[in-house]
Amino acid sequence: MPASEVKRARDACQAYVDKVCACAETVPAMKQPCRLSRALPDAIQVNLEVGASDDTTRRDALQTQDSVRKIVKECIEELAKLPAAGCP
């Protein structure tokens, strides 16, 4: 996975975590999404580490990349939903 894509993935999910947790301070309904969102950057990191391991097959490496992309998609989609939940 290109370094630029990895950076975008990390940045996108960190932006979601930051915004949903900031929102949770004023919108009580966002407290649980905030807690859950904190696992997303870790999930990206685990997938990247597994994909980069010498023991990982090409097929598994491609699956970890797909998993990272799905996590990023979730981060972006959830970030887009925040205004409707009352988050600035």
Protein backbone atom coordinates (compact mmCIF):
# COMPACT_ATOMS: atom_id res chain seq x y z
CA MET A 1 0.00 0.00 0.00
CA PRO A 2 1.52 3.35 -0.97
CA ALA A 3 2.70 5.57 1.89
CA SER A 4 0.45 8.40 0.70
CA GLU A 5 -2.61 6.15 0.94
CA VAL A 6 -1.58 4.98 4.41
CA LYS A 7 -1.23 8.60 5.53
CA ARG A 8 -4.64 9.51 4.11
CA ALA A 9 -6.16 6.49 5.85
CA ARG A 10 -4.69 7.43 9.21
CA ASP A 11 -5.61 11.09 8.79
CA ALA A 12 -9.21 10.32 7.79
CA CYS A 13 -9.85 8.06 10.76
CA GLN A 14 -8.07 10.34 13.21
CA ALA A 15 -10.19 13.25 11.98
CA TYR A 16 -13.32 11.21 12.63
CA VAL A 17 -12.15 10.22 16.11
CA ASP A 18 -11.27 13.82 16.97
CA LYS A 19 -14.58 15.22 15.75
CA VAL A 20 -16.89 12.57 17.16
CA CYS A 21 -15.19 12.75 20.56
CA ALA A 22 -15.32 16.55 20.56
CA CYS A 23 -19.00 16.29 19.74
CA ALA A 24 -19.53 13.78 22.56
CA GLU A 25 -18.67 16.54 25.03
CA THR A 26 -21.87 18.39 24.10
CA VAL A 27 -24.08 15.68 22.55
CA PRO A 28 -24.57 12.77 24.99
CA ALA A 29 -25.73 10.40 22.23
CA MET A 30 -22.25 10.59 20.70
CA LYS A 31 -20.44 9.19 23.75
CA GLN A 32 -20.66 5.57 22.59
CA PRO A 33 -19.65 6.34 18.97
CA CYS A 34 -16.67 8.20 20.44
CA ARG A 35 -15.62 5.19 22.50
CA LEU A 36 -16.03 2.85 19.54
CA SER A 37 -14.22 5.15 17.11
CA ARG A 38 -11.00 4.98 19.12
CA ALA A 39 -10.45 1.42 17.86
CA LEU A 40 -10.42 2.43 14.19
CA PRO A 41 -6.86 3.82 14.02
CA ASP A 42 -5.63 0.72 15.87
CA ALA A 43 -7.45 -1.53 13.41
CA ILE A 44 -5.71 0.23 10.55
CA GLN A 45 -2.34 -0.21 12.23
CA VAL A 46 -2.90 -3.92 12.88
CA ASN A 47 -3.91 -4.52 9.28
CA LEU A 48 -0.87 -2.66 8.00
CA GLU A 49 1.45 -4.65 10.25
CA VAL A 50 -0.08 -7.96 9.18
CA GLY A 51 0.11 -6.95 5.54
CA ALA A 52 3.77 -5.99 5.86
CA SER A 53 4.84 -9.16 7.68
CA ASP A 54 7.27 -11.48 5.92
CA ASP A 55 4.97 -14.40 6.74
CA THR A 56 2.00 -12.84 4.95
CA THR A 57 1.04 -14.26 1.57
CA ARG A 58 0.22 -11.94 -1.30
CA ARG A 59 -3.43 -12.89 -1.04
CA ASP A 60 -3.50 -12.05 2.68
CA ALA A 61 -1.66 -8.79 2.08
CA LEU A 62 -4.27 -7.78 -0.48
CA GLN A 63 -7.03 -8.68 1.96
CA THR A 64 -5.48 -6.52 4.67
CA GLN A 65 -5.29 -3.62 2.21
CA ASP A 66 -8.97 -4.13 1.39
CA SER A 67 -9.75 -4.16 5.09
CA VAL A 68 -7.89 -0.86 5.61
CA ARG A 69 -9.87 0.69 2.76
CA LYS A 70 -13.15 -0.48 4.29
CA ILE A 71 -12.20 1.01 7.65
CA VAL A 72 -11.36 4.32 5.97
CA LYS A 73 -14.67 4.23 4.10
CA GLU A 74 -16.45 3.81 7.43
CA CYS A 75 -14.51 6.72 8.95
CA ILE A 76 -15.40 9.01 6.06
CA GLU A 77 -19.06 7.98 6.00
CA GLU A 78 -19.44 8.39 9.76
CA LEU A 79 -17.69 11.76 9.64
CA ALA A 80 -20.21 12.90 7.02
CA LYS A 81 -23.09 11.90 9.34
CA LEU A 82 -21.91 14.03 12.25
CA PRO A 83 -23.71 17.26 11.26
CA ALA A 84 -27.04 15.40 11.16
CA ALA A 85 -26.36 14.16 14.70
CA GLY A 86 -26.02 17.74 15.92
CA CYS A 87 -22.26 17.98 15.72
CA PRO A 88 -20.68 21.12 14.34
